[in-house]
PDB file of N, CA and C in Angstrom:
ATOM      1  N   MET A   1     142.952 121.163 141.112  1.00  0.00           N
ATOM      2  CA  MET A   1     142.983 120.909 139.983  1.00  0.00           C
ATOM      3  C   MET A   1     141.589 120.166 139.352  1.00  0.00           C
ATOM      4  N   PRO A   2     141.447 119.201 140.620  1.00  0.00           N
ATOM      5  CA  PRO A   2     140.121 118.190 140.518  1.00  0.00           C
ATOM      6  C   PRO A   2     138.659 118.947 139.590  1.00  0.00           C
ATOM      7  N   ALA A   3     138.188 120.420 140.132  1.00  0.00           N
ATOM      8  CA  ALA A   3     137.211 121.011 139.492  1.00  0.00           C
ATOM      9  C   ALA A   3     137.459 120.878 137.830  1.00  0.00           C
ATOM     10  N   VAL A   4     138.697 121.010 137.838  1.00  0.00           N
ATOM     11  CA  VAL A   4     139.176 121.544 136.149  1.00  0.00           C
ATOM     12  C   VAL A   4     138.950 120.269 135.509  1.00  0.00           C
ATOM     13  N   THR A   5     139.268 118.905 135.734  1.00  0.00           N
ATOM     14  CA  THR A   5     139.494 117.857 135.626  1.00  0.00           C
ATOM     15  C   THR A   5     137.800 117.512 135.254  1.00  0.00           C
ATOM     16  N   THR A   6     136.558 117.633 136.217  1.00  0.00           N
ATOM     17  CA  THR A   6     135.554 117.419 136.182  1.00  0.00           C
ATOM     18  C   THR A   6     134.615 118.043 135.316  1.00  0.00           C
ATOM     19  N   SER A   7     135.156 119.649 135.121  1.00  0.00           N
ATOM     20  CA  SER A   7     134.300 120.480 134.228  1.00  0.00           C
ATOM     21  C   SER A   7     135.198 119.940 132.832  1.00  0.00           C
ATOM     22  N   PHE A   8     136.263 119.415 132.824  1.00  0.00           N
ATOM     23  CA  PHE A   8     136.496 118.967 131.158  1.00  0.00           C
ATOM     24  C   PHE A   8     135.982 118.006 130.822  1.00  0.00           C
ATOM     25  N   SER A   9     135.393 117.017 131.566  1.00  0.00           N
ATOM     26  CA  SER A   9     134.781 115.621 131.301  1.00  0.00           C
ATOM     27  C   SER A   9     133.711 116.071 131.101  1.00  0.00           C
ATOM     28  N   VAL A  10     132.967 116.614 132.423  1.00  0.00           N
ATOM     29  CA  VAL A  10     131.032 117.069 131.648  1.00  0.00           C
ATOM     30  C   VAL A  10     131.433 117.990 130.604  1.00  0.00           C
ATOM     31  N   LEU A  11     132.137 119.125 130.157  1.00  0.00           N
ATOM     32  CA  LEU A  11     132.180 119.496 128.996  1.00  0.00           C
ATOM     33  C   LEU A  11     132.184 118.923 127.227  1.00  0.00           C
ATOM     34  N   SER A  12     132.935 117.944 127.551  1.00  0.00           N
ATOM     35  CA  SER A  12     133.196 117.087 126.799  1.00  0.00           C
ATOM     36  C   SER A  12     132.331 116.320 126.123  1.00  0.00           C
ATOM     37  N   CYS A  13     131.743 115.599 127.166  1.00  0.00           N
ATOM     38  CA  CYS A  13     130.077 114.491 127.138  1.00  0.00           C
ATOM     39  C   CYS A  13     129.340 115.323 126.507  1.00  0.00           C
ATOM     40  N   ILE A  14     129.003 116.950 127.011  1.00  0.00           N
ATOM     41  CA  ILE A  14     128.207 117.613 126.474  1.00  0.00           C
ATOM     42  C   ILE A  14     128.208 118.080 125.038  1.00  0.00           C
ATOM     43  N   SER A  15     129.485 118.004 124.876  1.00  0.00           N
ATOM     44  CA  SER A  15     130.021 118.705 123.549  1.00  0.00           C
ATOM     45  C   SER A  15     129.272 117.263 122.321  1.00  0.00           C
ATOM     46  N   PHE A  16     129.891 116.445 123.153  1.00  0.00           N
ATOM     47  CA  PHE A  16     129.538 114.686 122.274  1.00  0.00           C
ATOM     48  C   PHE A  16     128.158 114.542 121.834  1.00  0.00           C
ATOM     49  N   VAL A  17     127.118 114.750 122.909  1.00  0.00           N
ATOM     50  CA  VAL A  17     125.909 114.842 122.508  1.00  0.00           C
ATOM     51  C   VAL A  17     125.221 115.983 121.535  1.00  0.00           C
ATOM     52  N   LEU A  18     125.605 117.003 121.885  1.00  0.00           N
ATOM     53  CA  LEU A  18     125.267 118.271 121.345  1.00  0.00           C
ATOM     54  C   LEU A  18     125.419 118.173 119.818  1.00  0.00           C
ATOM     55  N   VAL A  19     127.019 117.730 119.544  1.00  0.00           N
ATOM     56  CA  VAL A  19     127.099 117.544 117.649  1.00  0.00           C
ATOM     57  C   VAL A  19     126.394 116.756 117.093  1.00  0.00           C
ATOM     58  N   LEU A  20     125.612 115.578 118.115  1.00  0.00           N
ATOM     59  CA  LEU A  20     124.897 114.535 117.386  1.00  0.00           C
ATOM     60  C   LEU A  20     123.293 114.689 117.447  1.00  0.00           C
ATOM     61  N   ILE A  21     123.070 116.423 117.902  1.00  0.00           N
ATOM     62  CA  ILE A  21     121.595 116.412 117.783  1.00  0.00           C
ATOM     63  C   ILE A  21     121.284 116.751 116.625  1.00  0.00           C
ATOM     64  N   SER A  22     121.348 117.456 115.676  1.00  0.00           N
ATOM     65  CA  SER A  22     121.145 117.707 114.583  1.00  0.00           C
ATOM     66  C   SER A  22     121.599 116.322 113.328  1.00  0.00           C
ATOM     67  N   LEU A  23     122.014 115.336 113.604  1.00  0.00           N
ATOM     68  CA  LEU A  23     122.569 114.414 112.774  1.00  0.00           C
ATOM     69  C   LEU A  23     121.312 113.588 112.089  1.00  0.00           C
ATOM     70  N   PRO A  24     120.431 113.557 112.647  1.00  0.00           N
ATOM     71  CA  PRO A  24     119.542 113.008 111.933  1.00  0.00           C
ATOM     72  C   PRO A  24     118.864 113.784 110.872  1.00  0.00           C
ATOM     73  N   TRP A  25     118.376 115.045 111.418  1.00  0.00           N
ATOM     74  CA  TRP A  25     118.413 116.231 110.062  1.00  0.00           C
ATOM     75  C   TRP A  25     119.268 116.113 109.175  1.00  0.00           C
ATOM     76  N   HIS A  26     120.231 116.177 109.242  1.00  0.00           N
ATOM     77  CA  HIS A  26     121.507 116.273 108.233  1.00  0.00           C
ATOM     78  C   HIS A  26     120.939 114.515 107.507  1.00  0.00           C
ATOM     79  N   LEU A  27     121.021 113.493 107.980  1.00  0.00           N
ATOM     80  CA  LEU A  27     121.387 112.213 107.124  1.00  0.00           C
ATOM     81  C   LEU A  27     119.494 112.209 106.392  1.00  0.00           C
ATOM     82  N   LYS A  28     118.662 113.130 106.625  1.00  0.00           N
ATOM     83  CA  LYS A  28     117.529 112.673 105.760  1.00  0.00           C
ATOM     84  C   LYS A  28     117.731 113.134 104.140  1.00  0.00           C
ATOM     85  N   SER A  29     118.834 113.606 103.731  1.00  0.00           N
ATOM     86  CA  SER A  29     119.165 113.860 102.455  1.00  0.00           C
ATOM     87  C   SER A  29     120.827 113.667 102.329  1.00  0.00           C
ATOM     88  N   PRO A  30     120.824 111.912 102.174  1.00  0.00           N
ATOM     89  CA  PRO A  30     122.325 111.961 102.537  1.00  0.00           C
ATOM     90  C   PRO A  30     122.922 112.238 100.876  1.00  0.00           C
ATOM     91  N   LEU A  31     122.301 112.194  99.686  1.00  0.00           N
ATOM     92  CA  LEU A  31     123.247 112.734  98.870  1.00  0.00           C
ATOM     93  C   LEU A  31     124.034 113.845  99.340  1.00  0.00           C
ATOM     94  N   TYR A  32     123.643 115.245  99.505  1.00  0.00           N
ATOM     95  CA  TYR A  32     124.118 116.145  99.371  1.00  0.00           C
ATOM     96  C   TYR A  32     124.535 116.373 100.950  1.00  0.00           C
ATOM     97  N   ASN A  33     124.435 115.768 102.202  1.00  0.00           N
ATOM     98  CA  ASN A  33     125.071 116.778 102.945  1.00  0.00           C
ATOM     99  C   ASN A  33     125.792 115.356 103.660  1.00  0.00           C
ATOM    100  N   THR A  34     126.663 115.020 102.584  1.00  0.00           N
ATOM    101  CA  THR A  34     127.606 113.725 103.422  1.00  0.00           C
ATOM    102  C   THR A  34     128.769 114.501 104.110  1.00  0.00           C
ATOM    103  N   GLY A  35     129.147 115.742 103.429  1.00  0.00           N
ATOM    104  CA  GLY A  35     130.659 116.722 104.001  1.00  0.00           C
ATOM    105  C   GLY A  35     130.260 116.542 105.695  1.00  0.00           C
ATOM    106  N   ILE A  36     128.762 117.623 105.562  1.00  0.00           N
ATOM    107  CA  ILE A  36     128.518 117.500 107.075  1.00  0.00           C
ATOM    108  C   ILE A  36     128.057 116.709 107.885  1.00  0.00           C
ATOM    109  N   CYS A  37     127.903 115.620 107.098  1.00  0.00           N
ATOM    110  CA  CYS A  37     127.686 114.389 108.179  1.00  0.00           C
ATOM    111  C   CYS A  37     128.723 113.765 108.702  1.00  0.00           C
ATOM    112  N   LEU A  38     129.610 113.631 107.613  1.00  0.00           N
ATOM    113  CA  LEU A  38     130.980 113.514 108.190  1.00  0.00           C
ATOM    114  C   LEU A  38     131.436 114.132 109.047  1.00  0.00           C
ATOM    115  N   TYR A  39     131.578 115.293 109.132  1.00  0.00           N
ATOM    116  CA  TYR A  39     132.410 116.423 109.929  1.00  0.00           C
ATOM    117  C   TYR A  39     131.655 115.830 111.704  1.00  0.00           C
ATOM    118  N   MET A  40     130.743 115.892 111.243  1.00  0.00           N
ATOM    119  CA  MET A  40     129.521 116.074 112.588  1.00  0.00           C
ATOM    120  C   MET A  40     130.680 114.758 113.142  1.00  0.00           C
ATOM    121  N   ALA A  41     130.502 113.629 112.813  1.00  0.00           N
ATOM    122  CA  ALA A  41     130.553 112.085 113.072  1.00  0.00           C
ATOM    123  C   ALA A  41     132.014 112.275 113.411  1.00  0.00           C
ATOM    124  N   TRP A  42     133.208 112.808 112.530  1.00  0.00           N
ATOM    125  CA  TRP A  42     134.717 113.000 113.256  1.00  0.00           C
ATOM    126  C   TRP A  42     134.509 113.982 114.548  1.00  0.00           C
ATOM    127  N   THR A  43     133.846 114.778 114.712  1.00  0.00           N
ATOM    128  CA  THR A  43     134.067 115.785 115.692  1.00  0.00           C
ATOM    129  C   THR A  43     133.469 114.801 117.061  1.00  0.00           C
ATOM    130  N   SER A  44     132.052 114.418 117.017  1.00  0.00           N
ATOM    131  CA  SER A  44     131.808 113.966 117.956  1.00  0.00           C
ATOM    132  C   SER A  44     132.436 112.689 118.657  1.00  0.00           C
ATOM    133  N   LEU A  45     133.363 112.107 117.619  1.00  0.00           N
ATOM    134  CA  LEU A  45     133.630 110.796 117.979  1.00  0.00           C
ATOM    135  C   LEU A  45     135.408 111.157 118.680  1.00  0.00           C
ATOM    136  N   GLY A  46     135.884 112.588 118.324  1.00  0.00           N
ATOM    137  CA  GLY A  46     136.704 113.119 119.034  1.00  0.00           C
ATOM    138  C   GLY A  46     136.511 113.640 120.309  1.00  0.00           C
ATOM    139  N   CYS A  47     135.626 114.313 120.149  1.00  0.00           N
ATOM    140  CA  CYS A  47     134.997 114.724 121.885  1.00  0.00           C
ATOM    141  C   CYS A  47     134.762 113.310 122.444  1.00  0.00           C
ATOM    142  N   LEU A  48     134.175 112.148 122.213  1.00  0.00           N
ATOM    143  CA  LEU A  48     133.862 110.908 122.935  1.00  0.00           C
ATOM    144  C   LEU A  48     134.998 110.531 123.477  1.00  0.00           C
ATOM    145  N   ASN A  49     136.588 110.584 122.730  1.00  0.00           N
ATOM    146  CA  ASN A  49     137.531 110.017 122.657  1.00  0.00           C
ATOM    147  C   ASN A  49     137.798 110.939 123.994  1.00  0.00           C
ATOM    148  N   LEU A  50     137.987 112.194 124.048  1.00  0.00           N
ATOM    149  CA  LEU A  50     138.300 113.025 124.662  1.00  0.00           C
ATOM    150  C   LEU A  50     137.339 113.212 126.436  1.00  0.00           C
ATOM    151  N   PHE A  51     136.588 112.639 126.194  1.00  0.00           N
ATOM    152  CA  PHE A  51     135.840 112.547 127.562  1.00  0.00           C
ATOM    153  C   PHE A  51     136.246 110.715 128.138  1.00  0.00           C
ATOM    154  N   ILE A  52     136.637 109.982 127.456  1.00  0.00           N
ATOM    155  CA  ILE A  52     136.944 108.772 127.842  1.00  0.00           C
ATOM    156  C   ILE A  52     138.012 109.129 128.497  1.00  0.00           C
ATOM    157  N   ASN A  53     139.244 109.074 127.822  1.00  0.00           N
ATOM    158  CA  ASN A  53     140.481 109.789 128.567  1.00  0.00           C
ATOM    159  C   ASN A  53     140.258 110.598 129.641  1.00  0.00           C
ATOM    160  N   SER A  54     139.668 111.455 129.658  1.00  0.00           N
ATOM    161  CA  SER A  54     139.789 112.481 131.091  1.00  0.00           C
ATOM    162  C   SER A  54     138.865 111.458 132.127  1.00  0.00           C
ATOM    163  N   ILE A  55     138.023 110.801 131.760  1.00  0.00           N
ATOM    164  CA  ILE A  55     137.619 109.711 133.393  1.00  0.00           C
ATOM    165  C   ILE A  55     138.618 108.621 133.505  1.00  0.00           C
ATOM    166  N   MET A  56     139.260 108.440 132.446  1.00  0.00           N
ATOM    167  CA  MET A  56     140.423 106.943 132.293  1.00  0.00           C
ATOM    168  C   MET A  56     141.550 107.580 133.260  1.00  0.00           C
ATOM    169  N   TRP A  57     142.264 108.960 133.227  1.00  0.00           N
ATOM    170  CA  TRP A  57     143.407 109.544 133.313  1.00  0.00           C
ATOM    171  C   TRP A  57     142.808 110.378 134.797  1.00  0.00           C
ATOM    172  N   ARG A  58     141.919 110.678 135.600  1.00  0.00           N
ATOM    173  CA  ARG A  58     141.910 111.670 136.315  1.00  0.00           C
ATOM    174  C   ARG A  58     142.114 111.150 137.308  1.00  0.00           C
ATOM    175  N   ASP A  59     142.848 112.215 138.227  1.00  0.00           N
ATOM    176  CA  ASP A  59     143.692 111.683 139.158  1.00  0.00           C
ATOM    177  C   ASP A  59     144.707 111.147 139.365  1.00  0.00           C
ATOM    178  N   THR A  60     145.084 110.854 138.254  1.00  0.00           N
ATOM    179  CA  THR A  60     146.640 109.556 137.895  1.00  0.00           C
ATOM    180  C   THR A  60     147.772 109.904 137.068  1.00  0.00           C
ATOM    181  N   MET A  61     148.938 109.858 136.897  1.00  0.00           N
ATOM    182  CA  MET A  61     149.578 109.988 135.820  1.00  0.00           C
ATOM    183  C   MET A  61     150.377 108.532 135.763  1.00  0.00           C
ATOM    184  N   SER A  62     149.651 107.117 136.095  1.00  0.00           N
ATOM    185  CA  SER A  62     150.420 106.003 135.783  1.00  0.00           C
ATOM    186  C   SER A  62     149.536 105.475 134.761  1.00  0.00           C
ATOM    187  N   ASN A  63     150.488 105.054 133.660  1.00  0.00           N
ATOM    188  CA  ASN A  63     150.016 104.573 132.803  1.00  0.00           C
ATOM    189  C   ASN A  63     149.069 103.018 132.969  1.00  0.00           C
ATOM    190  N   ILE A  64     147.621 103.192 133.183  1.00  0.00           N
ATOM    191  CA  ILE A  64     147.088 102.502 133.595  1.00  0.00           C
ATOM    192  C   ILE A  64     146.162 101.388 132.298  1.00  0.00           C
ATOM    193  N   ALA A  65     146.636 101.957 131.106  1.00  0.00           N
ATOM    194  CA  ALA A  65     145.840 101.507 130.076  1.00  0.00           C
ATOM    195  C   ALA A  65     147.198 101.393 128.643  1.00  0.00           C
ATOM    196  N   PRO A  66     148.194 100.628 128.542  1.00  0.00           N
ATOM    197  CA  PRO A  66     148.913 101.303 127.725  1.00  0.00           C
ATOM    198  C   PRO A  66     148.381 100.784 126.256  1.00  0.00           C
ATOM    199  N   VAL A  67     147.281  99.870 125.618  1.00  0.00           N
ATOM    200  CA  VAL A  67     147.223  99.747 124.542  1.00  0.00           C
ATOM    201  C   VAL A  67     145.713 100.688 124.013  1.00  0.00           C
ATOM    202  N   TRP A  68     145.033 101.144 125.074  1.00  0.00           N
ATOM    203  CA  TRP A  68     144.359 102.312 124.950  1.00  0.00           C
ATOM    204  C   TRP A  68     144.979 103.497 124.141  1.00  0.00           C
ATOM    205  N   CYS A  69     145.863 103.895 125.376  1.00  0.00           N
ATOM    206  CA  CYS A  69     146.702 104.998 125.061  1.00  0.00           C
ATOM    207  C   CYS A  69     147.230 105.323 123.890  1.00  0.00           C
ATOM    208  N   ASP A  70     147.826 104.093 122.818  1.00  0.00           N
ATOM    209  CA  ASP A  70     148.286 103.757 121.917  1.00  0.00           C
ATOM    210  C   ASP A  70     147.105 103.670 120.597  1.00  0.00           C
ATOM    211  N   ILE A  71     146.379 103.347 121.006  1.00  0.00           N
ATOM    212  CA  ILE A  71     145.159 103.888 120.025  1.00  0.00           C
ATOM    213  C   ILE A  71     144.257 104.693 120.335  1.00  0.00           C
ATOM    214  N   SER A  72     144.278 105.386 121.576  1.00  0.00           N
ATOM    215  CA  SER A  72     143.838 107.026 121.178  1.00  0.00           C
ATOM    216  C   SER A  72     144.820 108.108 120.267  1.00  0.00           C
ATOM    217  N   THR A  73     146.066 108.135 120.999  1.00  0.00           N
ATOM    218  CA  THR A  73     146.950 109.024 120.184  1.00  0.00           C
ATOM    219  C   THR A  73     146.872 108.350 118.610  1.00  0.00           C
ATOM    220  N   LYS A  74     146.826 107.576 118.322  1.00  0.00           N
ATOM    221  CA  LYS A  74     146.103 107.172 116.621  1.00  0.00           C
ATOM    222  C   LYS A  74     144.926 107.840 116.250  1.00  0.00           C
ATOM    223  N   PHE A  75     143.940 107.719 117.333  1.00  0.00           N
ATOM    224  CA  PHE A  75     142.454 108.000 116.753  1.00  0.00           C
ATOM    225  C   PHE A  75     142.894 109.854 116.742  1.00  0.00           C
ATOM    226  N   MET A  76     143.551 110.235 117.608  1.00  0.00           N
ATOM    227  CA  MET A  76     143.741 111.879 117.371  1.00  0.00           C
ATOM    228  C   MET A  76     144.427 112.256 116.662  1.00  0.00           C
ATOM    229  N   THR A  77     144.893 111.672 115.952  1.00  0.00           N
ATOM    230  CA  THR A  77     145.996 112.052 114.386  1.00  0.00           C
ATOM    231  C   THR A  77     145.298 111.687 113.513  1.00  0.00           C
ATOM    232  N   ILE A  78     144.175 110.935 113.379  1.00  0.00           N
ATOM    233  CA  ILE A  78     143.291 110.314 112.111  1.00  0.00           C
ATOM    234  C   ILE A  78     141.915 111.958 112.184  1.00  0.00           C
ATOM    235  N   VAL A  79     141.287 111.831 113.662  1.00  0.00           N
ATOM    236  CA  VAL A  79     140.334 113.085 113.714  1.00  0.00           C
ATOM    237  C   VAL A  79     141.071 114.700 113.092  1.00  0.00           C
ATOM    238  N   GLY A  80     142.295 114.719 113.623  1.00  0.00           N
ATOM    239  CA  GLY A  80     143.122 115.453 113.403  1.00  0.00           C
ATOM    240  C   GLY A  80     143.475 115.838 111.692  1.00  0.00           C
ATOM    241  N   ILE A  81     143.498 114.720 110.623  1.00  0.00           N
ATOM    242  CA  ILE A  81     143.543 114.560 109.837  1.00  0.00           C
ATOM    243  C   ILE A  81     142.139 114.925 108.892  1.00  0.00           C
ATOM    244  N   ALA A  82     140.982 114.168 109.333  1.00  0.00           N
ATOM    245  CA  ALA A  82     139.694 114.167 108.882  1.00  0.00           C
ATOM    246  C   ALA A  82     138.867 115.225 109.322  1.00  0.00           C
ATOM    247  N   LEU A  83     139.268 115.832 109.863  1.00  0.00           N
ATOM    248  CA  LEU A  83     138.361 117.297 110.130  1.00  0.00           C
ATOM    249  C   LEU A  83     138.236 117.900 108.708  1.00  0.00           C
ATOM    250  N   PRO A  84     140.119 118.076 108.340  1.00  0.00           N
ATOM    251  CA  PRO A  84     139.856 119.093 107.693  1.00  0.00           C
ATOM    252  C   PRO A  84     139.624 118.401 105.775  1.00  0.00           C
ATOM    253  N   VAL A  85     139.867 116.945 105.952  1.00  0.00           N
ATOM    254  CA  VAL A  85     138.894 116.571 104.827  1.00  0.00           C
ATOM    255  C   VAL A  85     137.241 116.203 104.970  1.00  0.00           C
ATOM    256  N   ALA A  86     136.617 116.453 105.937  1.00  0.00           N
ATOM    257  CA  ALA A  86     135.577 116.771 105.760  1.00  0.00           C
ATOM    258  C   ALA A  86     135.113 118.106 105.307  1.00  0.00           C
ATOM    259  N   SER A  87     136.063 119.337 105.952  1.00  0.00           N
ATOM    260  CA  SER A  87     135.713 120.533 104.980  1.00  0.00           C
ATOM    261  C   SER A  87     135.895 120.739 104.290  1.00  0.00           C
ATOM    262  N   LEU A  88     136.834 119.071 103.113  1.00  0.00           N
ATOM    263  CA  LEU A  88     137.059 119.518 101.379  1.00  0.00           C
ATOM    264  C   LEU A  88     135.825 118.933 101.076  1.00  0.00           C
ATOM    265  N   CYS A  89     135.471 118.014 101.325  1.00  0.00           N
ATOM    266  CA  CYS A  89     134.422 117.636 101.495  1.00  0.00           C
ATOM    267  C   CYS A  89     132.868 118.947 100.906  1.00  0.00           C
ATOM    268  N   ILE A  90     133.165 119.422 101.972  1.00  0.00           N
ATOM    269  CA  ILE A  90     131.792 120.728 102.124  1.00  0.00           C
ATOM    270  C   ILE A  90     131.899 121.819 101.597  1.00  0.00           C
ATOM    271  N   SER A  91     133.226 122.223 100.972  1.00  0.00           N
ATOM    272  CA  SER A  91     133.893 122.995  99.959  1.00  0.00           C
ATOM    273  C   SER A  91     133.674 122.560  98.502  1.00  0.00           C
ATOM    274  N   ARG A  92     133.725 120.871  98.493  1.00  0.00           N
ATOM    275  CA  ARG A  92     133.641 120.598  96.633  1.00  0.00           C
ATOM    276  C   ARG A  92     132.083 120.889  96.943  1.00  0.00           C
ATOM    277  N   HIS A  93     131.354 120.409  97.408  1.00  0.00           N
ATOM    278  CA  HIS A  93     129.560 120.552  97.282  1.00  0.00           C
ATOM    279  C   HIS A  93     129.083 121.580  96.955  1.00  0.00           C
ATOM    280  N   LEU A  94     130.117 123.190  98.144  1.00  0.00           N
ATOM    281  CA  LEU A  94     129.013 124.314  97.683  1.00  0.00           C
ATOM    282  C   LEU A  94     129.788 125.071  96.332  1.00  0.00           C
ATOM    283  N   TYR A  95     130.929 124.734  96.160  1.00  0.00           N
ATOM    284  CA  TYR A  95     131.161 124.537  94.535  1.00  0.00           C
ATOM    285  C   TYR A  95     130.565 123.976  93.945  1.00  0.00           C
ATOM    286  N   HIS A  96     130.240 123.026  93.484  1.00  0.00           N
ATOM    287  CA  HIS A  96     129.183 122.509  92.781  1.00  0.00           C
ATOM    288  C   HIS A  96     128.088 123.093  92.847  1.00  0.00           C
ATOM    289  N   LEU A  97     127.379 123.626  93.792  1.00  0.00           N
ATOM    290  CA  LEU A  97     126.190 124.350  94.258  1.00  0.00           C
ATOM    291  C   LEU A  97     126.369 125.630  93.286  1.00  0.00           C
ATOM    292  N   THR A  98     127.879 126.346  93.695  1.00  0.00           N
ATOM    293  CA  THR A  98     127.806 127.486  93.101  1.00  0.00           C
ATOM    294  C   THR A  98     128.186 127.621  91.503  1.00  0.00           C
ATOM    295  N   ALA A  99     128.515 126.627  91.175  1.00  0.00           N
ATOM    296  CA  ALA A  99     129.501 126.719  89.518  1.00  0.00           C
ATOM    297  C   ALA A  99     128.166 126.124  89.260  1.00  0.00           C
ATOM    298  N   ARG A 100     127.063 125.901  89.418  1.00  0.00           N
ATOM    299  CA  ARG A 100     125.767 125.325  88.632  1.00  0.00           C
ATOM    300  C   ARG A 100     126.025 123.653  88.016  1.00  0.00           C
ATOM    301  N   CYS A 101     126.781 123.435  88.609  1.00  0.00           N
ATOM    302  CA  CYS A 101     127.332 121.994  88.134  1.00  0.00           C
ATOM    303  C   CYS A 101     126.474 121.022  89.188  1.00  0.00           C
ATOM    304  N   ALA A 102     125.256 120.834  89.592  1.00  0.00           N
ATOM    305  CA  ALA A 102     124.742 119.961  90.395  1.00  0.00           C
ATOM    306  C   ALA A 102     124.218 119.169  89.780  1.00  0.00           C
ATOM    307  N   PRO A 103     124.250 117.702  90.594  1.00  0.00           N
ATOM    308  CA  PRO A 103     124.079 116.427  89.691  1.00  0.00           C
ATOM    309  C   PRO A 103     122.460 116.570  88.839  1.00  0.00           C
ATOM    310  N   LYS A 104     122.543 115.797  87.569  1.00  0.00           N
ATOM    311  CA  LYS A 104     121.538 116.673  87.015  1.00  0.00           C
ATOM    312  C   LYS A 104     121.042 115.034  87.165  1.00  0.00           C
ATOM    313  N   PHE A 105     121.523 113.976  87.158  1.00  0.00           N
ATOM    314  CA  PHE A 105     121.003 112.568  87.361  1.00  0.00           C
ATOM    315  C   PHE A 105     121.159 111.831  88.681  1.00  0.00           C
ATOM    316  N   LYS A 106     120.246 111.181  88.543  1.00  0.00           N
ATOM    317  CA  LYS A 106     120.374 110.355  90.513  1.00  0.00           C
ATOM    318  C   LYS A 106     121.260 109.459  90.034  1.00  0.00           C
ATOM    319  N   ILE A 107     122.285 109.483  89.243  1.00  0.00           N
ATOM    320  CA  ILE A 107     123.593 108.332  89.208  1.00  0.00           C
ATOM    321  C   ILE A 107     124.543 109.519  89.440  1.00  0.00           C
ATOM    322  N   ASP A 108     124.367 110.678  89.183  1.00  0.00           N
ATOM    323  CA  ASP A 108     125.614 111.580  89.362  1.00  0.00           C
ATOM    324  C   ASP A 108     125.298 112.113  90.803  1.00  0.00           C
ATOM    325  N   GLY A 109     124.185 111.755  91.950  1.00  0.00           N
ATOM    326  CA  GLY A 109     124.681 112.377  92.814  1.00  0.00           C
ATOM    327  C   GLY A 109     125.152 110.907  93.616  1.00  0.00           C
ATOM    328  N   TRP A 110     124.995 109.852  93.117  1.00  0.00           N
ATOM    329  CA  TRP A 110     125.199 109.063  93.809  1.00  0.00           C
ATOM    330  C   TRP A 110     127.288 108.677  93.186  1.00  0.00           C
ATOM    331  N   ARG A 111     127.163 108.834  92.951  1.00  0.00           N
ATOM    332  CA  ARG A 111     128.912 109.081  92.522  1.00  0.00           C
ATOM    333  C   ARG A 111     129.726 110.267  93.424  1.00  0.00           C
ATOM    334  N   GLY A 112     128.431 111.562  93.816  1.00  0.00           N
ATOM    335  CA  GLY A 112     129.202 112.249  94.568  1.00  0.00           C
ATOM    336  C   GLY A 112     129.154 112.081  95.966  1.00  0.00           C
ATOM    337  N   LEU A 113     128.214 111.262  95.945  1.00  0.00           N
ATOM    338  CA  LEU A 113     128.092 110.801  97.251  1.00  0.00           C
ATOM    339  C   LEU A 113     129.071 109.575  98.220  1.00  0.00           C
ATOM    340  N   LEU A 114     129.484 108.485  96.683  1.00  0.00           N
ATOM    341  CA  LEU A 114     130.802 107.732  97.089  1.00  0.00           C
ATOM    342  C   LEU A 114     132.201 108.375  97.255  1.00  0.00           C
ATOM    343  N   LEU A 115     132.206 109.590  96.118  1.00  0.00           N
ATOM    344  CA  LEU A 115     133.418 110.478  96.076  1.00  0.00           C
ATOM    345  C   LEU A 115     134.093 110.787  97.365  1.00  0.00           C
ATOM    346  N   ASP A 116     132.727 111.518  97.789  1.00  0.00           N
ATOM    347  CA  ASP A 116     132.901 112.360  99.233  1.00  0.00           C
ATOM    348  C   ASP A 116     132.898 111.309 100.660  1.00  0.00           C
ATOM    349  N   LEU A 117     132.640 109.946 100.467  1.00  0.00           N
ATOM    350  CA  LEU A 117     133.123 108.830 101.561  1.00  0.00           C
ATOM    351  C   LEU A 117     133.802 108.165 101.357  1.00  0.00           C
ATOM    352  N   SER A 118     134.501 108.354  99.742  1.00  0.00           N
ATOM    353  CA  SER A 118     135.791 108.077  99.859  1.00  0.00           C
ATOM    354  C   SER A 118     137.170 108.679 100.577  1.00  0.00           C
ATOM    355  N   ILE A 119     136.638 109.713 100.089  1.00  0.00           N
ATOM    356  CA  ILE A 119     137.413 110.851 100.232  1.00  0.00           C
ATOM    357  C   ILE A 119     137.768 111.147 101.946  1.00  0.00           C
ATOM    358  N   GLY A 120     136.582 111.109 102.544  1.00  0.00           N
ATOM    359  CA  GLY A 120     136.235 111.657 104.037  1.00  0.00           C
ATOM    360  C   GLY A 120     136.652 110.158 104.979  1.00  0.00           C
ATOM    361  N   LEU A 121     136.441 108.877 104.174  1.00  0.00           N
ATOM    362  CA  LEU A 121     136.458 107.882 105.172  1.00  0.00           C
ATOM    363  C   LEU A 121     138.106 107.284 104.399  1.00  0.00           C
ATOM    364  N   GLY A 122     138.071 107.629 103.910  1.00  0.00           N
ATOM    365  CA  GLY A 122     139.098 106.610 103.130  1.00  0.00           C
ATOM    366  C   GLY A 122     140.913 107.320 103.406  1.00  0.00           C
ATOM    367  N   VAL A 123     140.815 108.482 103.275  1.00  0.00           N
ATOM    368  CA  VAL A 123     141.863 109.441 103.170  1.00  0.00           C
ATOM    369  C   VAL A 123     142.459 109.152 105.231  1.00  0.00           C
ATOM    370  N   PRO A 124     141.548 109.156 105.862  1.00  0.00           N
ATOM    371  CA  PRO A 124     141.975 109.565 107.334  1.00  0.00           C
ATOM    372  C   PRO A 124     142.169 107.954 107.917  1.00  0.00           C
ATOM    373  N   ILE A 125     141.766 107.359 107.034  1.00  0.00           N
ATOM    374  CA  ILE A 125     141.899 105.668 107.390  1.00  0.00           C
ATOM    375  C   ILE A 125     143.081 104.984 106.794  1.00  0.00           C
ATOM    376  N   VAL A 126     143.392 105.678 105.426  1.00  0.00           N
ATOM    377  CA  VAL A 126     144.971 105.162 105.110  1.00  0.00           C
ATOM    378  C   VAL A 126     145.938 105.759 105.873  1.00  0.00           C
ATOM    379  N   TYR A 127     145.875 107.134 105.926  1.00  0.00           N
ATOM    380  CA  TYR A 127     146.592 107.743 106.873  1.00  0.00           C
ATOM    381  C   TYR A 127     147.457 107.120 108.190  1.00  0.00           C
TER     382      TYR A 127
END
């Protein structure tokens, strides 16, 4: 079983890094890729949490960090809510692109950015 836990730790760390590789490219156009950036951020944080858990509880079943266990469980619940919400932001943006109601003024782009951020960060945190 140690080979399985070692491979899980390695793969979760690699996943954390691979998800973040293209994040700077998406951050260059902040008004239009908010949903994608949120999806990448929540996915990478979930992989990081799994990586930390796989190292912390390797070869033991005793609860050596009860506070971290509570924080990690709540965080994984938040990630489970945040990924569909980020998908909603992506779908909302794609709808605006296909319905030809793209932002005409710069202020409309900022409103869309703030709406995406309030949905993508507010809903998971309030939950």
